[in-house]
C-alpha atoms as a PDB file:
ATOM      1  CA  UNK A   1      19.158   7.412 -14.142  1.00  0.00           C
ATOM      2  CA  UNK A   2      18.509   5.209 -11.222  1.00  0.00           C
ATOM      3  CA  UNK A   3      17.731   6.881  -7.863  1.00  0.00           C
ATOM      4  CA  UNK A   4      19.426   4.609  -5.123  1.00  0.00           C
ATOM      5  CA  UNK A   5      17.651   3.829  -1.979  1.00  0.00           C
ATOM      6  CA  UNK A   6      20.522   5.198   0.137  1.00  0.00           C
ATOM      7  CA  UNK A   7      19.189   8.677  -0.772  1.00  0.00           C
ATOM      8  CA  UNK A   8      17.916  10.883   2.078  1.00  0.00           C
ATOM      9  CA  UNK A   9      15.755  13.959   2.363  1.00  0.00           C
ATOM     10  CA  UNK A  10      18.646  16.218   1.823  1.00  0.00           C
ATOM     11  CA  UNK A  11      20.941  14.004  -0.405  1.00  0.00           C
ATOM     12  CA  UNK A  12      19.911  12.470  -3.808  1.00  0.00           C
ATOM     13  CA  UNK A  13      22.065   9.559  -4.958  1.00  0.00           C
ATOM     14  CA  UNK A  14      21.743   8.378  -8.502  1.00  0.00           C
ATOM     15  CA  UNK A  15      23.513   5.863 -10.623  1.00  0.00           C
ATOM     16  CA  UNK A  16      23.983   5.955 -14.420  1.00  0.00           C
ATOM     17  CA  UNK A  17      26.238   2.937 -15.500  1.00  0.00           C
ATOM     18  CA  UNK A  18      29.685   3.334 -14.130  1.00  0.00           C
ATOM     19  CA  UNK A  19      28.929   6.741 -12.614  1.00  0.00           C
ATOM     20  CA  UNK A  20      27.224   7.731  -9.366  1.00  0.00           C
ATOM     21  CA  UNK A  21      25.855  11.369  -9.046  1.00  0.00           C
ATOM     22  CA  UNK A  22      25.599  12.578  -5.492  1.00  0.00           C
ATOM     23  CA  UNK A  23      23.360  15.916  -5.315  1.00  0.00           C
ATOM     24  CA  UNK A  24      23.157  17.851  -2.064  1.00  0.00           C
ATOM     25  CA  UNK A  25      19.486  18.684  -2.114  1.00  0.00           C
ATOM     26  CA  UNK A  26      18.514  21.308   0.457  1.00  0.00           C
ATOM     27  CA  UNK A  27      18.032  24.280  -1.875  1.00  0.00           C
ATOM     28  CA  UNK A  28      15.828  26.336   0.668  1.00  0.00           C
ATOM     29  CA  UNK A  29      19.033  26.526   2.705  1.00  0.00           C
ATOM     30  CA  UNK A  30      21.551  26.844  -0.062  1.00  0.00           C
ATOM     31  CA  UNK A  31      22.403  23.058   0.347  1.00  0.00           C
ATOM     32  CA  UNK A  32      23.966  23.953   3.920  1.00  0.00           C
ATOM     33  CA  UNK A  33      24.956  20.620   5.700  1.00  0.00           C
ATOM     34  CA  UNK A  34      22.418  18.766   7.863  1.00  0.00           C
ATOM     35  CA  UNK A  35      22.352  15.316   9.458  1.00  0.00           C
ATOM     36  CA  UNK A  36      20.250  14.072   6.830  1.00  0.00           C
ATOM     37  CA  UNK A  37      22.691  15.243   4.103  1.00  0.00           C
ATOM     38  CA  UNK A  38      25.804  13.986   5.841  1.00  0.00           C
ATOM     39  CA  UNK A  39      24.226  10.580   6.223  1.00  0.00           C
ATOM     40  CA  UNK A  40      23.401  10.485   2.603  1.00  0.00           C
ATOM     41  CA  UNK A  41      26.977  11.507   1.739  1.00  0.00           C
ATOM     42  CA  UNK A  42      28.563   8.950   3.970  1.00  0.00           C
ATOM     43  CA  UNK A  43      26.411   6.138   2.602  1.00  0.00           C
ATOM     44  CA  UNK A  44      27.093   7.447  -1.089  1.00  0.00           C
ATOM     45  CA  UNK A  45      30.868   7.307  -0.547  1.00  0.00           C
ATOM     46  CA  UNK A  46      30.717   3.844   0.950  1.00  0.00           C
ATOM     47  CA  UNK A  47      28.513   2.648  -1.984  1.00  0.00           C
ATOM     48  CA  UNK A  48      30.894   4.135  -4.570  1.00  0.00           C
ATOM     49  CA  UNK A  49      33.801   2.369  -2.785  1.00  0.00           C
ATOM     50  CA  UNK A  50      32.133  -1.067  -2.419  1.00  0.00           C
ATOM     51  CA  UNK A  51      30.049  -1.409  -5.628  1.00  0.00           C
ATOM     52  CA  UNK A  52      32.223  -3.152  -8.150  1.00  0.00           C
ATOM     53  CA  UNK A  53      30.467  -1.643 -11.312  1.00  0.00           C
ATOM     54  CA  UNK A  54      31.075   1.923 -10.193  1.00  0.00           C
ATOM     55  CA  UNK A  55      34.158   3.682 -11.335  1.00  0.00           C
ATOM     56  CA  UNK A  56      33.791   7.377 -10.447  1.00  0.00           C
ATOM     57  CA  UNK A  57      31.516   9.567  -8.519  1.00  0.00           C
ATOM     58  CA  UNK A  58      30.278  13.263  -8.934  1.00  0.00           C
ATOM     59  CA  UNK A  59      29.317  15.607  -6.163  1.00  0.00           C
ATOM     60  CA  UNK A  60      27.164  18.594  -6.958  1.00  0.00           C
ATOM     61  CA  UNK A  61      24.465  20.678  -5.395  1.00  0.00           C
ATOM     62  CA  UNK A  62      20.760  21.313  -6.307  1.00  0.00           C
ATOM     63  CA  UNK A  63      19.463  24.561  -7.864  1.00  0.00           C
ATOM     64  CA  UNK A  64      22.731  26.213  -8.973  1.00  0.00           C
ATOM     65  CA  UNK A  65      24.254  26.204  -5.486  1.00  0.00           C
ATOM     66  CA  UNK A  66      26.940  23.777  -4.389  1.00  0.00           C
ATOM     67  CA  UNK A  67      27.076  24.117  -0.498  1.00  0.00           C
ATOM     68  CA  UNK A  68      26.812  27.089   1.794  1.00  0.00           C
ATOM     69  CA  UNK A  69      28.556  25.307   4.775  1.00  0.00           C
ATOM     70  CA  UNK A  70      27.318  23.778   8.017  1.00  0.00           C
ATOM     71  CA  UNK A  71      23.890  24.524   9.448  1.00  0.00           C
ATOM     72  CA  UNK A  72      24.788  24.051  13.014  1.00  0.00           C
ATOM     73  CA  UNK A  73      21.203  24.006  14.075  1.00  0.00           C
ATOM     74  CA  UNK A  74      20.086  21.456  11.487  1.00  0.00           C
ATOM     75  CA  UNK A  75      23.339  19.241  12.223  1.00  0.00           C
ATOM     76  CA  UNK A  76      22.402  19.227  15.806  1.00  0.00           C
ATOM     77  CA  UNK A  77      18.561  18.303  15.181  1.00  0.00           C
ATOM     78  CA  UNK A  78      17.819  14.670  14.818  1.00  0.00           C
ATOM     79  CA  UNK A  79      16.223  13.729  11.444  1.00  0.00           C
ATOM     80  CA  UNK A  80      12.623  12.672  11.210  1.00  0.00           C
ATOM     81  CA  UNK A  81      13.408   9.989   8.743  1.00  0.00           C
ATOM     82  CA  UNK A  82      13.613   6.576  10.341  1.00  0.00           C
ATOM     83  CA  UNK A  83      16.235   5.253   8.010  1.00  0.00           C
ATOM     84  CA  UNK A  84      18.472   8.192   8.646  1.00  0.00           C
ATOM     85  CA  UNK A  85      18.137   7.895  12.381  1.00  0.00           C
ATOM     86  CA  UNK A  86      19.086   4.253  12.123  1.00  0.00           C
ATOM     87  CA  UNK A  87      22.065   4.979  10.037  1.00  0.00           C
ATOM     88  CA  UNK A  88      23.223   7.643  12.384  1.00  0.00           C
ATOM     89  CA  UNK A  89      23.519   4.933  14.978  1.00  0.00           C
ATOM     90  CA  UNK A  90      25.229   2.460  12.733  1.00  0.00           C
ATOM     91  CA  UNK A  91      27.909   4.819  11.169  1.00  0.00           C
ATOM     92  CA  UNK A  92      30.671   5.909  13.617  1.00  0.00           C
ATOM     93  CA  UNK A  93      31.690   9.621  12.956  1.00  0.00           C
ATOM     94  CA  UNK A  94      29.192   9.947   9.981  1.00  0.00           C
ATOM     95  CA  UNK A  95      29.922  13.710  10.079  1.00  0.00           C
ATOM     96  CA  UNK A  96      33.595  13.200   9.075  1.00  0.00           C
ATOM     97  CA  UNK A  97      32.829  10.419   6.685  1.00  0.00           C
ATOM     98  CA  UNK A  98      30.308  12.520   4.927  1.00  0.00           C
ATOM     99  CA  UNK A  99      32.615  15.596   4.755  1.00  0.00           C
ATOM    100  CA  UNK A 100      35.321  13.287   3.124  1.00  0.00           C
ATOM    101  CA  UNK A 101      37.567  14.113   6.222  1.00  0.00           C
ATOM    102  CA  UNK A 102      37.926  10.518   7.564  1.00  0.00           C
ATOM    103  CA  UNK A 103      41.060   9.358   5.737  1.00  0.00           C
ATOM    104  CA  UNK A 104      40.275   5.617   6.495  1.00  0.00           C
ATOM    105  CA  UNK A 105      36.889   5.896   4.762  1.00  0.00           C
ATOM    106  CA  UNK A 106      37.706   7.908   1.668  1.00  0.00           C
ATOM    107  CA  UNK A 107      36.178   6.535  -1.502  1.00  0.00           C
ATOM    108  CA  UNK A 108      38.553   4.104  -3.224  1.00  0.00           C
ATOM    109  CA  UNK A 109      37.433   5.649  -6.542  1.00  0.00           C
ATOM    110  CA  UNK A 110      37.770   9.301  -7.818  1.00  0.00           C
ATOM    111  CA  UNK A 111      35.207  11.896  -6.759  1.00  0.00           C
ATOM    112  CA  UNK A 112      34.621  14.737  -9.083  1.00  0.00           C
ATOM    113  CA  UNK A 113      32.919  18.014  -7.772  1.00  0.00           C
ATOM    114  CA  UNK A 114      30.741  20.172 -10.007  1.00  0.00           C
ATOM    115  CA  UNK A 115      30.308  23.618  -8.403  1.00  0.00           C
ATOM    116  CA  UNK A 116      27.647  26.241  -9.261  1.00  0.00           C
ATOM    117  CA  UNK A 117      27.029  29.235  -6.962  1.00  0.00           C
ATOM    118  CA  UNK A 118      28.246  29.184  -3.470  1.00  0.00           C
ATOM    119  CA  UNK A 119      30.890  26.606  -2.152  1.00  0.00           C
ATOM    120  CA  UNK A 120      31.954  28.211   1.039  1.00  0.00           C
ATOM    121  CA  UNK A 121      33.005  27.073   4.417  1.00  0.00           C
ATOM    122  CA  UNK A 122      32.031  23.437   4.468  1.00  0.00           C
ATOM    123  CA  UNK A 123      31.337  23.616   0.790  1.00  0.00           C
ATOM    124  CA  UNK A 124      34.986  24.426   0.124  1.00  0.00           C
ATOM    125  CA  UNK A 125      36.098  21.776   2.592  1.00  0.00           C
ATOM    126  CA  UNK A 126      34.042  19.278   0.539  1.00  0.00           C
ATOM    127  CA  UNK A 127      35.754  20.462  -2.544  1.00  0.00           C
ATOM    128  CA  UNK A 128      39.173  20.020  -1.036  1.00  0.00           C
ATOM    129  CA  UNK A 129      38.366  16.500  -0.175  1.00  0.00           C
ATOM    130  CA  UNK A 130      37.607  15.561  -3.885  1.00  0.00           C
ATOM    131  CA  UNK A 131      39.989  14.576  -6.582  1.00  0.00           C
ATOM    132  CA  UNK A 132      38.912  16.651  -9.621  1.00  0.00           C
ATOM    133  CA  UNK A 133      37.126  20.007  -9.434  1.00  0.00           C
ATOM    134  CA  UNK A 134      35.047  21.776 -12.141  1.00  0.00           C
ATOM    135  CA  UNK A 135      33.551  25.239 -11.120  1.00  0.00           C
ATOM    136  CA  UNK A 136      31.306  27.743 -12.841  1.00  0.00           C
ATOM    137  CA  UNK A 137      32.568  31.113 -13.883  1.00  0.00           C
ATOM    138  CA  UNK A 138      30.411  33.081 -11.179  1.00  0.00           C
ATOM    139  CA  UNK A 139      31.011  30.380  -8.405  1.00  0.00           C
ATOM    140  CA  UNK A 140      32.198  31.647  -5.037  1.00  0.00           C
ATOM    141  CA  UNK A 141      34.644  29.676  -2.938  1.00  0.00           C
ATOM    142  CA  UNK A 142      36.113  30.547   0.562  1.00  0.00           C
ATOM    143  CA  UNK A 143      36.777  29.252   3.936  1.00  0.00           C
ATOM    144  CA  UNK A 144      35.214  31.826   6.097  1.00  0.00           C
ATOM    145  CA  UNK A 145      35.689  30.196   9.575  1.00  0.00           C
ATOM    146  CA  UNK A 146      38.470  32.558  10.784  1.00  0.00           C
ATOM    147  CA  UNK A 147      36.343  35.609  10.040  1.00  0.00           C
ATOM    148  CA  UNK A 148      33.651  34.141  12.381  1.00  0.00           C
ATOM    149  CA  UNK A 149      36.137  32.979  15.081  1.00  0.00           C
ATOM    150  CA  UNK A 150      35.660  29.473  14.010  1.00  0.00           C
ATOM    151  CA  UNK A 151      37.890  26.663  12.694  1.00  0.00           C
ATOM    152  CA  UNK A 152      37.624  24.667   9.597  1.00  0.00           C
ATOM    153  CA  UNK A 153      37.092  21.377  11.109  1.00  0.00           C
ATOM    154  CA  UNK A 154      36.736  19.581   7.747  1.00  0.00           C
ATOM    155  CA  UNK A 155      40.413  19.238   7.513  1.00  0.00           C
ATOM    156  CA  UNK A 156      41.303  22.191   5.230  1.00  0.00           C
ATOM    157  CA  UNK A 157      43.907  23.656   7.742  1.00  0.00           C
ATOM    158  CA  UNK A 158      45.903  20.549   7.094  1.00  0.00           C
ATOM    159  CA  UNK A 159      44.974  19.632   3.435  1.00  0.00           C
ATOM    160  CA  UNK A 160      44.964  23.052   1.680  1.00  0.00           C
ATOM    161  CA  UNK A 161      48.589  23.891   2.264  1.00  0.00           C
ATOM    162  CA  UNK A 162      49.436  20.408   0.971  1.00  0.00           C
ATOM    163  CA  UNK A 163      47.472  20.834  -2.229  1.00  0.00           C
ATOM    164  CA  UNK A 164      48.279  24.479  -3.233  1.00  0.00           C
ATOM    165  CA  UNK A 165      51.309  26.718  -2.439  1.00  0.00           C
ATOM    166  CA  UNK A 166      51.522  27.896   1.124  1.00  0.00           C
ATOM    167  CA  UNK A 167      51.077  31.497   0.497  1.00  0.00           C
ATOM    168  CA  UNK A 168      47.786  30.921  -1.431  1.00  0.00           C
ATOM    169  CA  UNK A 169      46.559  28.612   1.308  1.00  0.00           C
ATOM    170  CA  UNK A 170      47.270  31.067   4.079  1.00  0.00           C
ATOM    171  CA  UNK A 171      45.524  33.748   1.979  1.00  0.00           C
ATOM    172  CA  UNK A 172      42.324  31.682   1.868  1.00  0.00           C
ATOM    173  CA  UNK A 173      42.580  30.412   5.458  1.00  0.00           C
ATOM    174  CA  UNK A 174      43.666  33.462   7.444  1.00  0.00           C
ATOM    175  CA  UNK A 175      41.689  36.234   5.663  1.00  0.00           C
ATOM    176  CA  UNK A 176      38.361  34.288   5.483  1.00  0.00           C
ATOM    177  CA  UNK A 177      37.757  36.095   2.223  1.00  0.00           C
ATOM    178  CA  UNK A 178      35.692  35.013  -0.812  1.00  0.00           C
ATOM    179  CA  UNK A 179      37.792  33.571  -3.801  1.00  0.00           C
ATOM    180  CA  UNK A 180      36.585  33.702  -7.362  1.00  0.00           C
ATOM    181  CA  UNK A 181      36.559  30.807  -9.846  1.00  0.00           C
ATOM    182  CA  UNK A 182      39.475  32.225 -11.714  1.00  0.00           C
ATOM    183  CA  UNK A 183      41.426  32.866  -8.711  1.00  0.00           C
ATOM    184  CA  UNK A 184      40.947  29.236  -7.639  1.00  0.00           C
ATOM    185  CA  UNK A 185      42.086  28.178 -11.008  1.00  0.00           C
ATOM    186  CA  UNK A 186      45.330  30.272 -10.973  1.00  0.00           C
ATOM    187  CA  UNK A 187      46.011  28.930  -7.487  1.00  0.00           C
ATOM    188  CA  UNK A 188      45.747  25.282  -8.632  1.00  0.00           C
ATOM    189  CA  UNK A 189      42.812  24.624  -6.340  1.00  0.00           C
ATOM    190  CA  UNK A 190      40.435  23.641  -9.231  1.00  0.00           C
ATOM    191  CA  UNK A 191      40.822  21.861 -12.563  1.00  0.00           C
ATOM    192  CA  UNK A 192      38.520  23.705 -14.865  1.00  0.00           C
ATOM    193  CA  UNK A 193      36.349  26.969 -14.952  1.00  0.00           C
ATOM    194  CA  UNK A 194      33.253  26.552 -17.245  1.00  0.00           C
ATOM    195  CA  UNK A 195      30.334  28.832 -18.179  1.00  0.00           C
ATOM    196  CA  UNK A 196      27.625  29.046 -15.623  1.00  0.00           C
ATOM    197  CA  UNK A 197      25.198  26.169 -15.815  1.00  0.00           C
ATOM    198  CA  UNK A 198      27.772  23.825 -17.386  1.00  0.00           C
ATOM    199  CA  UNK A 199      29.739  22.387 -14.315  1.00  0.00           C
ATOM    200  CA  UNK A 200      27.642  19.171 -14.057  1.00  0.00           C
ATOM    201  CA  UNK A 201      27.824  18.432 -17.689  1.00  0.00           C
ATOM    202  CA  UNK A 202      31.626  19.044 -17.846  1.00  0.00           C
ATOM    203  CA  UNK A 203      32.064  16.838 -14.755  1.00  0.00           C
ATOM    204  CA  UNK A 204      30.071  14.083 -16.452  1.00  0.00           C
ATOM    205  CA  UNK A 205      32.407  14.310 -19.504  1.00  0.00           C
ATOM    206  CA  UNK A 206      35.438  14.004 -17.208  1.00  0.00           C
ATOM    207  CA  UNK A 207      33.719  11.089 -15.277  1.00  0.00           C
ATOM    208  CA  UNK A 208      33.175   9.211 -18.566  1.00  0.00           C
ATOM    209  CA  UNK A 209      36.843   9.734 -19.373  1.00  0.00           C
ATOM    210  CA  UNK A 210      37.746   8.239 -15.996  1.00  0.00           C
ATOM    211  CA  UNK A 211      35.353   5.412 -16.272  1.00  0.00           C
ATOM    212  CA  UNK A 212      36.821   4.569 -19.646  1.00  0.00           C
ATOM    213  CA  UNK A 213      40.213   3.886 -18.045  1.00  0.00           C
ATOM    214  CA  UNK A 214      41.289   0.619 -16.312  1.00  0.00           C
ATOM    215  CA  UNK A 215      39.488   0.706 -12.991  1.00  0.00           C
ATOM    216  CA  UNK A 216      42.295  -1.229 -11.281  1.00  0.00           C
ATOM    217  CA  UNK A 217      44.703   1.283 -12.577  1.00  0.00           C
ATOM    218  CA  UNK A 218      42.583   4.179 -11.493  1.00  0.00           C
ATOM    219  CA  UNK A 219      42.114   2.980  -7.945  1.00  0.00           C
ATOM    220  CA  UNK A 220      45.733   2.035  -7.663  1.00  0.00           C
ATOM    221  CA  UNK A 221      46.915   5.534  -8.639  1.00  0.00           C
ATOM    222  CA  UNK A 222      44.620   7.074  -5.924  1.00  0.00           C
ATOM    223  CA  UNK A 223      45.798   4.548  -3.327  1.00  0.00           C
ATOM    224  CA  UNK A 224      49.442   5.188  -4.095  1.00  0.00           C
ATOM    225  CA  UNK A 225      49.083   8.933  -3.636  1.00  0.00           C
ATOM    226  CA  UNK A 226      47.336   8.415  -0.266  1.00  0.00           C
ATOM    227  CA  UNK A 227      49.604   5.966   1.101  1.00  0.00           C
ATOM    228  CA  UNK A 228      52.860   7.680   0.167  1.00  0.00           C
ATOM    229  CA  UNK A 229      52.014  11.226   1.025  1.00  0.00           C
ATOM    230  CA  UNK A 230      54.799  12.743   2.897  1.00  0.00           C
ATOM    231  CA  UNK A 231      57.281   9.681   2.541  1.00  0.00           C
ATOM    232  CA  UNK A 232      60.736   9.980   1.239  1.00  0.00           C
ATOM    233  CA  UNK A 233      60.886   9.094  -2.437  1.00  0.00           C
ATOM    234  CA  UNK A 234      62.771   5.742  -2.151  1.00  0.00           C
ATOM    235  CA  UNK A 235      60.382   4.526   0.535  1.00  0.00           C
ATOM    236  CA  UNK A 236      57.313   5.700  -1.579  1.00  0.00           C
ATOM    237  CA  UNK A 237      58.536   3.982  -4.656  1.00  0.00           C
ATOM    238  CA  UNK A 238      58.697   0.735  -2.867  1.00  0.00           C
ATOM    239  CA  UNK A 239      54.917   0.960  -1.911  1.00  0.00           C
ATOM    240  CA  UNK A 240      54.237   2.266  -5.592  1.00  0.00           C
ATOM    241  CA  UNK A 241      55.840  -0.859  -6.929  1.00  0.00           C
ATOM    242  CA  UNK A 242      53.894  -3.188  -4.456  1.00  0.00           C
ATOM    243  CA  UNK A 243      50.602  -1.568  -5.578  1.00  0.00           C
ATOM    244  CA  UNK A 244      51.495  -1.127  -9.257  1.00  0.00           C
ATOM    245  CA  UNK A 245      52.955  -4.530 -10.294  1.00  0.00           C
ATOM    246  CA  UNK A 246      49.696  -6.517  -9.697  1.00  0.00           C
ATOM    247  CA  UNK A 247      47.988  -3.836 -12.044  1.00  0.00           C
ATOM    248  CA  UNK A 248      50.578  -4.361 -14.877  1.00  0.00           C
ATOM    249  CA  UNK A 249      49.817  -8.188 -14.702  1.00  0.00           C
ATOM    250  CA  UNK A 250      46.055  -7.942 -14.604  1.00  0.00           C
ATOM    251  CA  UNK A 251      43.563  -9.184 -17.161  1.00  0.00           C
ATOM    252  CA  UNK A 252      42.578  -5.492 -17.724  1.00  0.00           C
ATOM    253  CA  UNK A 253      46.252  -4.707 -18.629  1.00  0.00           C
ATOM    254  CA  UNK A 254      46.255  -7.462 -21.322  1.00  0.00           C
ATOM    255  CA  UNK A 255      42.843  -6.190 -22.656  1.00  0.00           C
ATOM    256  CA  UNK A 256      44.392  -2.612 -22.794  1.00  0.00           C
ATOM    257  CA  UNK A 257      47.306  -3.957 -24.964  1.00  0.00           C
ATOM    258  CA  UNK A 258      44.964  -5.935 -27.207  1.00  0.00           C
ATOM    259  CA  UNK A 259      42.578  -3.097 -27.829  1.00  0.00           C
ATOM    260  CA  UNK A 260      45.529  -0.817 -28.659  1.00  0.00           C
ATOM    261  CA  UNK A 261      46.893  -3.313 -31.328  1.00  0.00           C
ATOM    262  CA  UNK A 262      43.400  -3.986 -32.694  1.00  0.00           C
ATOM    263  CA  UNK A 263      42.593  -0.162 -32.759  1.00  0.00           C
ATOM    264  CA  UNK A 264      39.337  -0.506 -30.765  1.00  0.00           C
ATOM    265  CA  UNK A 265      38.001   0.793 -27.349  1.00  0.00           C
ATOM    266  CA  UNK A 266      39.188  -1.400 -24.476  1.00  0.00           C
ATOM    267  CA  UNK A 267      36.488  -3.189 -22.406  1.00  0.00           C
ATOM    268  CA  UNK A 268      37.671  -3.393 -18.916  1.00  0.00           C
ATOM    269  CA  UNK A 269      36.376  -5.869 -16.354  1.00  0.00           C
ATOM    270  CA  UNK A 270      38.163  -4.712 -13.231  1.00  0.00           C
ATOM    271  CA  UNK A 271      40.199  -7.921 -13.009  1.00  0.00           C
END
């Protein structure tokens, strides 16, 4: 595992082949968000998007906790790390980019979250911004903002009712209550519930499955969903065709057909 230089004091970014693992690393504060963490997250998402050899990312938290939400004091306190201070000046709206809220800066490749322990407030907002979600049996989710007379600024008031049925979304948003892993699974908010301690390992298995697929196809599927959200079907299909046909004609598509005929694993180059 290679530790990347874009890591910060509160965010560890590591690469293992086609997979980048992003770890929120502030265990003394239950991995609550800080400027150091958000800069690391923003740089990690940009790296995952821009690096040709990367096919998928995993977001997790250190020491059996995902993220306990925003630490308003820490987010308002300048970092003591010179590189983080420099990046804070260079990245417009780094808070929203780090939180996966900035739709123009979302990673072009899938992000899987691996949740142990608490993923509440900003932790759940981060989960809602990812594409695949693995949570441990005893994990706790929830958007507690309304209970504290606050507002979920990470985008969940918009995104959650689009991702799960309205009644479930309003139950989470308006009551501010804690949600168990099994409830989240039943709502369709997460993909898998696994034994405690197994979230990251399971997320890595899924990441390897994604990485084995054609990278052009995977990115095109994500892009099509994002660019057609809310459109009438006929209009959306036109965009889908414009994105999909180049994938069908790619060298990777030819390799996929050859590998199927030859009964061997495909070797995709992203071309």
